[in-house]
Amino acid sequence: MKYRGGCHCGRIAFEVEGSPITEVMACNCSLCSKRGYLLWFVPRAQLALETPEVDLSTYRFNRMQIAHHFCGTCGCAPFGEASDPQGNAMAAVNVRCLEGVDPDALQVRKVDGRSF
C-alpha cells in the first residue's frame, strides 16, 4: 500500500510503500517522548523522497546512529533513517505525518528506548 507524507508546510514530501499499517511503535527515549513519535518501520528503499535531500534538517544524538530528519521551516519530523541489527537500511516513518492515517485506530507497541 502507498502512503503520502510530509511536513506541515509542505517543504518535505515523500511517498512510502509497505504493508497496511496496523501497529506502530511508541518509544520512551527522550527525543521520541518529546516529539510524540508513532513510528512505522520500512526498508529505506521503500521511501521515495519527493523533495531535495538538502531540504532535510537532521539531528543525531547519543550514539549518533539514527538520522532524525525534520523540516527546518515548520519543525515537523516526518521520518528518520538508521540500520537495523542486521545492517539493513531502514526508515522510521512518523505516522502522524502521513495523509489518511488515523493514529488512534492503530495498535501501539511500547518500547523502552530509554534503556538502549
PDB file of N, CA and C in Angstrom:
ATOM      1  N   MET A   1       0.843  -1.167   0.000  1.00  0.00           N
ATOM      2  CA  MET A   1       0.000   0.000   0.000  1.00  0.00           C
ATOM      3  C   MET A   1       0.897   1.241   0.000  1.00  0.00           C
ATOM      4  N   LYS A   2       0.509   2.265  -0.752  1.00  0.00           N
ATOM      5  CA  LYS A   2       1.278   3.510  -0.812  1.00  0.00           C
ATOM      6  C   LYS A   2       0.646   4.559   0.085  1.00  0.00           C
ATOM      7  N   TYR A   3       1.518   5.292   0.769  1.00  0.00           N
ATOM      8  CA  TYR A   3       1.094   6.397   1.619  1.00  0.00           C
ATOM      9  C   TYR A   3       1.867   7.641   1.203  1.00  0.00           C
ATOM     10  N   ARG A   4       1.216   8.791   1.324  1.00  0.00           N
ATOM     11  CA  ARG A   4       1.883  10.078   1.099  1.00  0.00           C
ATOM     12  C   ARG A   4       2.103  10.724   2.454  1.00  0.00           C
ATOM     13  N   GLY A   5       3.231  11.391   2.574  1.00  0.00           N
ATOM     14  CA  GLY A   5       3.521  12.048   3.839  1.00  0.00           C
ATOM     15  C   GLY A   5       4.351  13.289   3.637  1.00  0.00           C
ATOM     16  N   GLY A   6       4.546  13.993   4.722  1.00  0.00           N
ATOM     17  CA  GLY A   6       5.363  15.192   4.666  1.00  0.00           C
ATOM     18  C   GLY A   6       5.221  16.019   5.923  1.00  0.00           C
ATOM     19  N   CYS A   7       5.791  17.191   5.852  1.00  0.00           N
ATOM     20  CA  CYS A   7       5.753  18.108   6.984  1.00  0.00           C
ATOM     21  C   CYS A   7       4.541  19.031   6.877  1.00  0.00           C
ATOM     22  N   HIS A   8       4.375  19.905   7.840  1.00  0.00           N
ATOM     23  CA  HIS A   8       3.218  20.801   7.894  1.00  0.00           C
ATOM     24  C   HIS A   8       3.223  21.822   6.764  1.00  0.00           C
ATOM     25  N   CYS A   9       4.381  22.414   6.467  1.00  0.00           N
ATOM     26  CA  CYS A   9       4.435  23.483   5.465  1.00  0.00           C
ATOM     27  C   CYS A   9       4.557  22.962   4.033  1.00  0.00           C
ATOM     28  N   GLY A  10       4.839  21.668   3.861  1.00  0.00           N
ATOM     29  CA  GLY A  10       4.942  21.076   2.531  1.00  0.00           C
ATOM     30  C   GLY A  10       6.333  21.066   1.938  1.00  0.00           C
ATOM     31  N   ARG A  11       7.300  21.599   2.655  1.00  0.00           N
ATOM     32  CA  ARG A  11       8.672  21.620   2.137  1.00  0.00           C
ATOM     33  C   ARG A  11       9.237  20.204   1.989  1.00  0.00           C
ATOM     34  N   ILE A  12       8.860  19.319   2.900  1.00  0.00           N
ATOM     35  CA  ILE A  12       9.278  17.918   2.821  1.00  0.00           C
ATOM     36  C   ILE A  12       8.067  17.089   2.409  1.00  0.00           C
ATOM     37  N   ALA A  13       8.218  16.325   1.332  1.00  0.00           N
ATOM     38  CA  ALA A  13       7.148  15.445   0.854  1.00  0.00           C
ATOM     39  C   ALA A  13       7.768  14.116   0.438  1.00  0.00           C
ATOM     40  N   PHE A  14       7.018  13.041   0.651  1.00  0.00           N
ATOM     41  CA  PHE A  14       7.514  11.718   0.281  1.00  0.00           C
ATOM     42  C   PHE A  14       6.351  10.767   0.083  1.00  0.00           C
ATOM     43  N   GLU A  15       6.646   9.654  -0.581  1.00  0.00           N
ATOM     44  CA  GLU A  15       5.740   8.510  -0.677  1.00  0.00           C
ATOM     45  C   GLU A  15       6.453   7.335  -0.044  1.00  0.00           C
ATOM     46  N   VAL A  16       5.689   6.492   0.612  1.00  0.00           N
ATOM     47  CA  VAL A  16       6.266   5.306   1.232  1.00  0.00           C
ATOM     48  C   VAL A  16       5.325   4.140   0.970  1.00  0.00           C
ATOM     49  N   GLU A  17       5.920   2.996   0.683  1.00  0.00           N
ATOM     50  CA  GLU A  17       5.135   1.810   0.356  1.00  0.00           C
ATOM     51  C   GLU A  17       5.432   0.711   1.359  1.00  0.00           C
ATOM     52  N   GLY A  18       4.385   0.011   1.758  1.00  0.00           N
ATOM     53  CA  GLY A  18       4.553  -1.098   2.681  1.00  0.00           C
ATOM     54  C   GLY A  18       3.228  -1.763   2.961  1.00  0.00           C
ATOM     55  N   SER A  19       3.255  -2.720   3.858  1.00  0.00           N
ATOM     56  CA  SER A  19       2.029  -3.399   4.272  1.00  0.00           C
ATOM     57  C   SER A  19       1.093  -2.385   4.916  1.00  0.00           C
ATOM     58  N   PRO A  20      -0.209  -2.640   4.892  1.00  0.00           N
ATOM     59  CA  PRO A  20      -1.124  -1.729   5.579  1.00  0.00           C
ATOM     60  C   PRO A  20      -0.693  -1.542   7.040  1.00  0.00           C
ATOM     61  N   ILE A  21      -0.738  -0.318   7.493  1.00  0.00           N
ATOM     62  CA  ILE A  21      -0.279   0.000   8.848  1.00  0.00           C
ATOM     63  C   ILE A  21      -1.344  -0.427   9.855  1.00  0.00           C
ATOM     64  N   THR A  22      -0.969  -1.329  10.737  1.00  0.00           N
ATOM     65  CA  THR A  22      -1.867  -1.753  11.810  1.00  0.00           C
ATOM     66  C   THR A  22      -1.239  -1.519  13.178  1.00  0.00           C
ATOM     67  N   GLU A  23       0.095  -1.543  13.232  1.00  0.00           N
ATOM     68  CA  GLU A  23       0.804  -1.379  14.501  1.00  0.00           C
ATOM     69  C   GLU A  23       1.918  -0.362  14.336  1.00  0.00           C
ATOM     70  N   VAL A  24       2.099   0.457  15.350  1.00  0.00           N
ATOM     71  CA  VAL A  24       3.181   1.433  15.377  1.00  0.00           C
ATOM     72  C   VAL A  24       3.937   1.280  16.690  1.00  0.00           C
ATOM     73  N   MET A  25       5.117   1.875  16.738  1.00  0.00           N
ATOM     74  CA  MET A  25       5.942   1.818  17.930  1.00  0.00           C
ATOM     75  C   MET A  25       5.971   3.180  18.601  1.00  0.00           C
ATOM     76  N   ALA A  26       5.802   3.185  19.912  1.00  0.00           N
ATOM     77  CA  ALA A  26       5.982   4.393  20.716  1.00  0.00           C
ATOM     78  C   ALA A  26       7.173   4.139  21.629  1.00  0.00           C
ATOM     79  N   CYS A  27       8.235   4.884  21.411  1.00  0.00           N
ATOM     80  CA  CYS A  27       9.472   4.748  22.171  1.00  0.00           C
ATOM     81  C   CYS A  27       9.463   5.783  23.296  1.00  0.00           C
ATOM     82  N   ASN A  28      10.033   5.427  24.435  1.00  0.00           N
ATOM     83  CA  ASN A  28      10.058   6.354  25.558  1.00  0.00           C
ATOM     84  C   ASN A  28      11.400   7.060  25.737  1.00  0.00           C
ATOM     85  N   CYS A  29      12.258   7.033  24.711  1.00  0.00           N
ATOM     86  CA  CYS A  29      13.515   7.774  24.827  1.00  0.00           C
ATOM     87  C   CYS A  29      13.196   9.270  24.888  1.00  0.00           C
ATOM     88  N   SER A  30      14.182  10.061  25.261  1.00  0.00           N
ATOM     89  CA  SER A  30      13.941  11.490  25.459  1.00  0.00           C
ATOM     90  C   SER A  30      13.424  12.181  24.204  1.00  0.00           C
ATOM     91  N   LEU A  31      13.956  11.869  23.039  1.00  0.00           N
ATOM     92  CA  LEU A  31      13.532  12.549  21.813  1.00  0.00           C
ATOM     93  C   LEU A  31      12.149  12.087  21.355  1.00  0.00           C
ATOM     94  N   CYS A  32      11.931  10.793  21.285  1.00  0.00           N
ATOM     95  CA  CYS A  32      10.627  10.281  20.834  1.00  0.00           C
ATOM     96  C   CYS A  32       9.507  10.753  21.753  1.00  0.00           C
ATOM     97  N   SER A  33       9.772  10.786  23.051  1.00  0.00           N
ATOM     98  CA  SER A  33       8.764  11.256  24.005  1.00  0.00           C
ATOM     99  C   SER A  33       8.424  12.717  23.778  1.00  0.00           C
ATOM    100  N   LYS A  34       9.438  13.542  23.630  1.00  0.00           N
ATOM    101  CA  LYS A  34       9.201  14.979  23.460  1.00  0.00           C
ATOM    102  C   LYS A  34       8.535  15.308  22.128  1.00  0.00           C
ATOM    103  N   ARG A  35       8.839  14.527  21.098  1.00  0.00           N
ATOM    104  CA  ARG A  35       8.258  14.788  19.776  1.00  0.00           C
ATOM    105  C   ARG A  35       6.949  14.036  19.530  1.00  0.00           C
ATOM    106  N   GLY A  36       6.615  13.099  20.380  1.00  0.00           N
ATOM    107  CA  GLY A  36       5.359  12.367  20.234  1.00  0.00           C
ATOM    108  C   GLY A  36       5.318  11.429  19.042  1.00  0.00           C
ATOM    109  N   TYR A  37       6.476  10.889  18.675  1.00  0.00           N
ATOM    110  CA  TYR A  37       6.538   9.983  17.530  1.00  0.00           C
ATOM    111  C   TYR A  37       5.661   8.746  17.713  1.00  0.00           C
ATOM    112  N   LEU A  38       5.023   8.324  16.635  1.00  0.00           N
ATOM    113  CA  LEU A  38       4.437   6.993  16.491  1.00  0.00           C
ATOM    114  C   LEU A  38       5.070   6.445  15.220  1.00  0.00           C
ATOM    115  N   LEU A  39       5.919   5.440  15.353  1.00  0.00           N
ATOM    116  CA  LEU A  39       6.786   5.021  14.253  1.00  0.00           C
ATOM    117  C   LEU A  39       6.354   3.718  13.594  1.00  0.00           C
ATOM    118  N   TRP A  40       6.494   3.721  12.277  1.00  0.00           N
ATOM    119  CA  TRP A  40       6.248   2.560  11.413  1.00  0.00           C
ATOM    120  C   TRP A  40       7.537   2.350  10.629  1.00  0.00           C
ATOM    121  N   PHE A  41       8.079   1.147  10.665  1.00  0.00           N
ATOM    122  CA  PHE A  41       9.375   0.867  10.051  1.00  0.00           C
ATOM    123  C   PHE A  41       9.225   0.161   8.707  1.00  0.00           C
ATOM    124  N   VAL A  42       9.975   0.653   7.723  1.00  0.00           N
ATOM    125  CA  VAL A  42      10.007   0.051   6.387  1.00  0.00           C
ATOM    126  C   VAL A  42      11.449   0.086   5.882  1.00  0.00           C
ATOM    127  N   PRO A  43      11.811  -0.799   4.948  1.00  0.00           N
ATOM    128  CA  PRO A  43      13.126  -0.673   4.315  1.00  0.00           C
ATOM    129  C   PRO A  43      13.263   0.716   3.684  1.00  0.00           C
ATOM    130  N   ARG A  44      14.423   1.316   3.822  1.00  0.00           N
ATOM    131  CA  ARG A  44      14.640   2.685   3.338  1.00  0.00           C
ATOM    132  C   ARG A  44      14.328   2.823   1.855  1.00  0.00           C
ATOM    133  N   ALA A  45      14.573   1.785   1.079  1.00  0.00           N
ATOM    134  CA  ALA A  45      14.314   1.830  -0.366  1.00  0.00           C
ATOM    135  C   ALA A  45      12.835   2.018  -0.688  1.00  0.00           C
ATOM    136  N   GLN A  46      11.959   1.766   0.276  1.00  0.00           N
ATOM    137  CA  GLN A  46      10.519   1.913   0.051  1.00  0.00           C
ATOM    138  C   GLN A  46      10.018   3.333   0.324  1.00  0.00           C
ATOM    139  N   LEU A  47      10.903   4.216   0.759  1.00  0.00           N
ATOM    140  CA  LEU A  47      10.540   5.612   0.981  1.00  0.00           C
ATOM    141  C   LEU A  47      11.151   6.436  -0.139  1.00  0.00           C
ATOM    142  N   ALA A  48      10.297   7.103  -0.904  1.00  0.00           N
ATOM    143  CA  ALA A  48      10.752   7.934  -2.027  1.00  0.00           C
ATOM    144  C   ALA A  48      10.574   9.400  -1.655  1.00  0.00           C
ATOM    145  N   LEU A  49      11.677  10.065  -1.415  1.00  0.00           N
ATOM    146  CA  LEU A  49      11.658  11.483  -1.079  1.00  0.00           C
ATOM    147  C   LEU A  49      11.353  12.279  -2.339  1.00  0.00           C
ATOM    148  N   GLU A  50      10.367  13.158  -2.278  1.00  0.00           N
ATOM    149  CA  GLU A  50       9.961  13.946  -3.444  1.00  0.00           C
ATOM    150  C   GLU A  50      10.560  15.346  -3.432  1.00  0.00           C
ATOM    151  N   THR A  51      11.282  15.671  -2.402  1.00  0.00           N
ATOM    152  CA  THR A  51      11.931  16.974  -2.290  1.00  0.00           C
ATOM    153  C   THR A  51      13.433  16.756  -2.177  1.00  0.00           C
ATOM    154  N   PRO A  52      14.226  17.745  -2.514  1.00  0.00           N
ATOM    155  CA  PRO A  52      15.679  17.568  -2.440  1.00  0.00           C
ATOM    156  C   PRO A  52      16.148  17.251  -1.015  1.00  0.00           C
ATOM    157  N   GLU A  53      17.108  16.339  -0.913  1.00  0.00           N
ATOM    158  CA  GLU A  53      17.640  15.978   0.408  1.00  0.00           C
ATOM    159  C   GLU A  53      18.200  17.182   1.144  1.00  0.00           C
ATOM    160  N   VAL A  54      18.652  18.179   0.414  1.00  0.00           N
ATOM    161  CA  VAL A  54      19.212  19.376   1.039  1.00  0.00           C
ATOM    162  C   VAL A  54      18.160  20.109   1.881  1.00  0.00           C
ATOM    163  N   ASP A  55      16.871  19.867   1.617  1.00  0.00           N
ATOM    164  CA  ASP A  55      15.799  20.497   2.394  1.00  0.00           C
ATOM    165  C   ASP A  55      15.573  19.822   3.745  1.00  0.00           C
ATOM    166  N   LEU A  56      16.193  18.672   3.971  1.00  0.00           N
ATOM    167  CA  LEU A  56      16.058  17.980   5.252  1.00  0.00           C
ATOM    168  C   LEU A  56      17.058  18.532   6.252  1.00  0.00           C
ATOM    169  N   SER A  57      16.582  18.891   7.416  1.00  0.00           N
ATOM    170  CA  SER A  57      17.479  19.165   8.536  1.00  0.00           C
ATOM    171  C   SER A  57      17.587  17.860   9.306  1.00  0.00           C
ATOM    172  N   THR A  58      18.724  17.619   9.926  1.00  0.00           N
ATOM    173  CA  THR A  58      18.954  16.334  10.582  1.00  0.00           C
ATOM    174  C   THR A  58      19.528  16.538  11.970  1.00  0.00           C
ATOM    175  N   TYR A  59      19.035  15.752  12.901  1.00  0.00           N
ATOM    176  CA  TYR A  59      19.522  15.774  14.278  1.00  0.00           C
ATOM    177  C   TYR A  59      19.949  14.361  14.657  1.00  0.00           C
ATOM    178  N   ARG A  60      21.129  14.259  15.261  1.00  0.00           N
ATOM    179  CA  ARG A  60      21.634  12.987  15.782  1.00  0.00           C
ATOM    180  C   ARG A  60      22.035  13.209  17.233  1.00  0.00           C
ATOM    181  N   PHE A  61      21.867  12.187  18.057  1.00  0.00           N
ATOM    182  CA  PHE A  61      22.287  12.305  19.453  1.00  0.00           C
ATOM    183  C   PHE A  61      22.725  10.941  19.968  1.00  0.00           C
ATOM    184  N   ASN A  62      23.206  10.922  21.192  1.00  0.00           N
ATOM    185  CA  ASN A  62      23.654   9.713  21.862  1.00  0.00           C
ATOM    186  C   ASN A  62      24.721   9.005  21.027  1.00  0.00           C
ATOM    187  N   ARG A  63      24.448   7.837  20.480  1.00  0.00           N
ATOM    188  CA  ARG A  63      25.450   7.097  19.699  1.00  0.00           C
ATOM    189  C   ARG A  63      25.508   7.532  18.240  1.00  0.00           C
ATOM    190  N   MET A  64      24.723   8.535  17.870  1.00  0.00           N
ATOM    191  CA  MET A  64      24.763   9.143  16.529  1.00  0.00           C
ATOM    192  C   MET A  64      24.392   8.165  15.414  1.00  0.00           C
ATOM    193  N   GLN A  65      23.641   7.126  15.722  1.00  0.00           N
ATOM    194  CA  GLN A  65      23.327   6.098  14.733  1.00  0.00           C
ATOM    195  C   GLN A  65      22.045   6.362  13.959  1.00  0.00           C
ATOM    196  N   ILE A  66      21.166   7.202  14.494  1.00  0.00           N
ATOM    197  CA  ILE A  66      19.886   7.473  13.841  1.00  0.00           C
ATOM    198  C   ILE A  66      19.871   8.909  13.337  1.00  0.00           C
ATOM    199  N   ALA A  67      19.545   9.081  12.058  1.00  0.00           N
ATOM    200  CA  ALA A  67      19.384  10.418  11.480  1.00  0.00           C
ATOM    201  C   ALA A  67      17.911  10.790  11.615  1.00  0.00           C
ATOM    202  N   HIS A  68      17.624  11.675  12.552  1.00  0.00           N
ATOM    203  CA  HIS A  68      16.250  12.148  12.771  1.00  0.00           C
ATOM    204  C   HIS A  68      16.047  13.352  11.862  1.00  0.00           C
ATOM    205  N   HIS A  69      15.281  13.185  10.790  1.00  0.00           N
ATOM    206  CA  HIS A  69      15.073  14.264   9.821  1.00  0.00           C
ATOM    207  C   HIS A  69      13.867  15.110  10.217  1.00  0.00           C
ATOM    208  N   PHE A  70      13.993  16.412   9.987  1.00  0.00           N
ATOM    209  CA  PHE A  70      12.895  17.327  10.270  1.00  0.00           C
ATOM    210  C   PHE A  70      12.970  18.503   9.312  1.00  0.00           C
ATOM    211  N   CYS A  71      11.873  19.237   9.217  1.00  0.00           N
ATOM    212  CA  CYS A  71      11.809  20.414   8.356  1.00  0.00           C
ATOM    213  C   CYS A  71      12.365  21.611   9.114  1.00  0.00           C
ATOM    214  N   GLY A  72      13.328  22.288   8.520  1.00  0.00           N
ATOM    215  CA  GLY A  72      13.910  23.468   9.137  1.00  0.00           C
ATOM    216  C   GLY A  72      12.974  24.660   9.138  1.00  0.00           C
ATOM    217  N   THR A  73      11.896  24.592   8.366  1.00  0.00           N
ATOM    218  CA  THR A  73      10.931  25.696   8.313  1.00  0.00           C
ATOM    219  C   THR A  73       9.832  25.527   9.357  1.00  0.00           C
ATOM    220  N   CYS A  74       9.115  24.397   9.333  1.00  0.00           N
ATOM    221  CA  CYS A  74       7.975  24.217  10.249  1.00  0.00           C
ATOM    222  C   CYS A  74       8.297  23.339  11.456  1.00  0.00           C
ATOM    223  N   GLY A  75       9.419  22.618  11.415  1.00  0.00           N
ATOM    224  CA  GLY A  75       9.837  21.814  12.556  1.00  0.00           C
ATOM    225  C   GLY A  75       9.285  20.403  12.613  1.00  0.00           C
ATOM    226  N   CYS A  76       8.370  20.042  11.727  1.00  0.00           N
ATOM    227  CA  CYS A  76       7.813  18.682  11.746  1.00  0.00           C
ATOM    228  C   CYS A  76       8.903  17.659  11.437  1.00  0.00           C
ATOM    229  N   ALA A  77       8.786  16.503  12.085  1.00  0.00           N
ATOM    230  CA  ALA A  77       9.775  15.438  11.922  1.00  0.00           C
ATOM    231  C   ALA A  77       9.100  14.204  11.332  1.00  0.00           C
ATOM    232  N   PRO A  78       9.048  14.097   9.996  1.00  0.00           N
ATOM    233  CA  PRO A  78       8.284  13.017   9.373  1.00  0.00           C
ATOM    234  C   PRO A  78       8.952  11.643   9.341  1.00  0.00           C
ATOM    235  N   PHE A  79      10.279  11.576   9.385  1.00  0.00           N
ATOM    236  CA  PHE A  79      10.917  10.254   9.356  1.00  0.00           C
ATOM    237  C   PHE A  79      12.366  10.349   9.802  1.00  0.00           C
ATOM    238  N   GLY A  80      12.916   9.182  10.103  1.00  0.00           N
ATOM    239  CA  GLY A  80      14.324   9.058  10.441  1.00  0.00           C
ATOM    240  C   GLY A  80      14.915   7.897   9.667  1.00  0.00           C
ATOM    241  N   GLU A  81      16.232   7.794   9.699  1.00  0.00           N
ATOM    242  CA  GLU A  81      16.928   6.714   8.993  1.00  0.00           C
ATOM    243  C   GLU A  81      17.991   6.102   9.885  1.00  0.00           C
ATOM    244  N   ALA A  82      18.107   4.787   9.803  1.00  0.00           N
ATOM    245  CA  ALA A  82      19.136   4.056  10.532  1.00  0.00           C
ATOM    246  C   ALA A  82      19.230   2.665   9.925  1.00  0.00           C
ATOM    247  N   SER A  83      20.106   1.857  10.485  1.00  0.00           N
ATOM    248  CA  SER A  83      20.223   0.459  10.070  1.00  0.00           C
ATOM    249  C   SER A  83      19.637  -0.426  11.152  1.00  0.00           C
ATOM    250  N   ASP A  84      19.006  -1.524  10.737  1.00  0.00           N
ATOM    251  CA  ASP A  84      18.500  -2.484  11.716  1.00  0.00           C
ATOM    252  C   ASP A  84      19.676  -3.333  12.217  1.00  0.00           C
ATOM    253  N   PRO A  85      19.465  -4.212  13.188  1.00  0.00           N
ATOM    254  CA  PRO A  85      20.574  -5.012  13.727  1.00  0.00           C
ATOM    255  C   PRO A  85      21.316  -5.853  12.687  1.00  0.00           C
ATOM    256  N   GLN A  86      20.656  -6.173  11.566  1.00  0.00           N
ATOM    257  CA  GLN A  86      21.307  -6.951  10.507  1.00  0.00           C
ATOM    258  C   GLN A  86      22.033  -6.061   9.500  1.00  0.00           C
ATOM    259  N   GLY A  87      21.995  -4.748   9.685  1.00  0.00           N
ATOM    260  CA  GLY A  87      22.688  -3.826   8.793  1.00  0.00           C
ATOM    261  C   GLY A  87      21.858  -3.323   7.627  1.00  0.00           C
ATOM    262  N   ASN A  88      20.570  -3.640   7.589  1.00  0.00           N
ATOM    263  CA  ASN A  88      19.696  -3.176   6.507  1.00  0.00           C
ATOM    264  C   ASN A  88      19.272  -1.733   6.738  1.00  0.00           C
ATOM    265  N   ALA A  89      19.317  -0.918   5.691  1.00  0.00           N
ATOM    266  CA  ALA A  89      18.881   0.478   5.790  1.00  0.00           C
ATOM    267  C   ALA A  89      17.371   0.521   5.996  1.00  0.00           C
ATOM    268  N   MET A  90      16.945   1.238   7.030  1.00  0.00           N
ATOM    269  CA  MET A  90      15.527   1.315   7.378  1.00  0.00           C
ATOM    270  C   MET A  90      15.094   2.770   7.516  1.00  0.00           C
ATOM    271  N   ALA A  91      13.806   2.992   7.307  1.00  0.00           N
ATOM    272  CA  ALA A  91      13.194   4.296   7.570  1.00  0.00           C
ATOM    273  C   ALA A  91      12.189   4.110   8.698  1.00  0.00           C
ATOM    274  N   ALA A  92      12.236   5.015   9.658  1.00  0.00           N
ATOM    275  CA  ALA A  92      11.259   5.052  10.747  1.00  0.00           C
ATOM    276  C   ALA A  92      10.321   6.201  10.426  1.00  0.00           C
ATOM    277  N   VAL A  93       9.131   5.880   9.949  1.00  0.00           N
ATOM    278  CA  VAL A  93       8.179   6.887   9.483  1.00  0.00           C
ATOM    279  C   VAL A  93       7.246   7.273  10.629  1.00  0.00           C
ATOM    280  N   ASN A  94       7.142   8.567  10.879  1.00  0.00           N
ATOM    281  CA  ASN A  94       6.223   9.076  11.885  1.00  0.00           C
ATOM    282  C   ASN A  94       4.824   9.092  11.272  1.00  0.00           C
ATOM    283  N   VAL A  95       3.968   8.150  11.674  1.00  0.00           N
ATOM    284  CA  VAL A  95       2.652   8.033  11.039  1.00  0.00           C
ATOM    285  C   VAL A  95       1.790   9.273  11.245  1.00  0.00           C
ATOM    286  N   ARG A  96       2.134  10.109  12.204  1.00  0.00           N
ATOM    287  CA  ARG A  96       1.398  11.365  12.402  1.00  0.00           C
ATOM    288  C   ARG A  96       1.592  12.312  11.215  1.00  0.00           C
ATOM    289  N   CYS A  97       2.586  12.033  10.381  1.00  0.00           N
ATOM    290  CA  CYS A  97       2.868  12.867   9.212  1.00  0.00           C
ATOM    291  C   CYS A  97       2.383  12.233   7.912  1.00  0.00           C
ATOM    292  N   LEU A  98       1.613  11.159   7.999  1.00  0.00           N
ATOM    293  CA  LEU A  98       1.069  10.503   6.808  1.00  0.00           C
ATOM    294  C   LEU A  98      -0.373  10.941   6.582  1.00  0.00           C
ATOM    295  N   GLU A  99      -0.724  11.137   5.318  1.00  0.00           N
ATOM    296  CA  GLU A  99      -2.095  11.511   4.956  1.00  0.00           C
ATOM    297  C   GLU A  99      -3.009  10.291   5.051  1.00  0.00           C
ATOM    298  N   GLY A 100      -4.203  10.489   5.569  1.00  0.00           N
ATOM    299  CA  GLY A 100      -5.211   9.435   5.579  1.00  0.00           C
ATOM    300  C   GLY A 100      -4.995   8.331   6.591  1.00  0.00           C
ATOM    301  N   VAL A 101      -4.079   8.514   7.539  1.00  0.00           N
ATOM    302  CA  VAL A 101      -3.838   7.509   8.569  1.00  0.00           C
ATOM    303  C   VAL A 101      -4.350   8.063   9.899  1.00  0.00           C
ATOM    304  N   ASP A 102      -5.203   7.300  10.565  1.00  0.00           N
ATOM    305  CA  ASP A 102      -5.737   7.699  11.867  1.00  0.00           C
ATOM    306  C   ASP A 102      -4.912   7.022  12.958  1.00  0.00           C
ATOM    307  N   PRO A 103      -4.016   7.750  13.616  1.00  0.00           N
ATOM    308  CA  PRO A 103      -3.171   7.136  14.647  1.00  0.00           C
ATOM    309  C   PRO A 103      -3.970   6.480  15.772  1.00  0.00           C
ATOM    310  N   ASP A 104      -5.160   6.999  16.061  1.00  0.00           N
ATOM    311  CA  ASP A 104      -5.973   6.433  17.137  1.00  0.00           C
ATOM    312  C   ASP A 104      -6.526   5.056  16.792  1.00  0.00           C
ATOM    313  N   ALA A 105      -6.512   4.691  15.516  1.00  0.00           N
ATOM    314  CA  ALA A 105      -7.033   3.389  15.085  1.00  0.00           C
ATOM    315  C   ALA A 105      -5.949   2.310  15.067  1.00  0.00           C
ATOM    316  N   LEU A 106      -4.725   2.667  15.418  1.00  0.00           N
ATOM    317  CA  LEU A 106      -3.604   1.735  15.328  1.00  0.00           C
ATOM    318  C   LEU A 106      -3.246   1.160  16.694  1.00  0.00           C
ATOM    319  N   GLN A 107      -2.749  -0.062  16.667  1.00  0.00           N
ATOM    320  CA  GLN A 107      -2.241  -0.678  17.890  1.00  0.00           C
ATOM    321  C   GLN A 107      -0.861  -0.088  18.168  1.00  0.00           C
ATOM    322  N   VAL A 108      -0.624   0.319  19.410  1.00  0.00           N
ATOM    323  CA  VAL A 108       0.646   0.937  19.786  1.00  0.00           C
ATOM    324  C   VAL A 108       1.452  -0.046  20.624  1.00  0.00           C
ATOM    325  N   ARG A 109       2.670  -0.327  20.144  1.00  0.00           N
ATOM    326  CA  ARG A 109       3.602  -1.193  20.878  1.00  0.00           C
ATOM    327  C   ARG A 109       4.624  -0.295  21.560  1.00  0.00           C
ATOM    328  N   LYS A 110       4.695  -0.358  22.871  1.00  0.00           N
ATOM    329  CA  LYS A 110       5.617   0.490  23.625  1.00  0.00           C
ATOM    330  C   LYS A 110       6.988  -0.168  23.691  1.00  0.00           C
ATOM    331  N   VAL A 111       8.020   0.650  23.489  1.00  0.00           N
ATOM    332  CA  VAL A 111       9.401   0.173  23.510  1.00  0.00           C
ATOM    333  C   VAL A 111      10.186   1.017  24.508  1.00  0.00           C
ATOM    334  N   ASP A 112      11.007   0.368  25.310  1.00  0.00           N
ATOM    335  CA  ASP A 112      11.807   1.061  26.319  1.00  0.00           C
ATOM    336  C   ASP A 112      13.123   1.552  25.720  1.00  0.00           C
ATOM    337  N   GLY A 113      13.028   2.573  24.881  1.00  0.00           N
ATOM    338  CA  GLY A 113      14.217   3.145  24.253  1.00  0.00           C
ATOM    339  C   GLY A 113      15.118   3.870  25.227  1.00  0.00           C
ATOM    340  N   ARG A 114      14.581   4.257  26.366  1.00  0.00           N
ATOM    341  CA  ARG A 114      15.377   4.921  27.396  1.00  0.00           C
ATOM    342  C   ARG A 114      16.522   4.023  27.858  1.00  0.00           C
ATOM    343  N   SER A 115      16.320   2.720  27.758  1.00  0.00           N
ATOM    344  CA  SER A 115      17.318   1.761  28.236  1.00  0.00           C
ATOM    345  C   SER A 115      18.354   1.374  27.186  1.00  0.00           C
ATOM    346  N   PHE A 116      18.207   1.847  25.963  1.00  0.00           N
ATOM    347  CA  PHE A 116      19.160   1.466  24.902  1.00  0.00           C
ATOM    348  C   PHE A 116      20.483   2.158  25.100  1.00  0.00           C
TER     349      PHE A 116
END
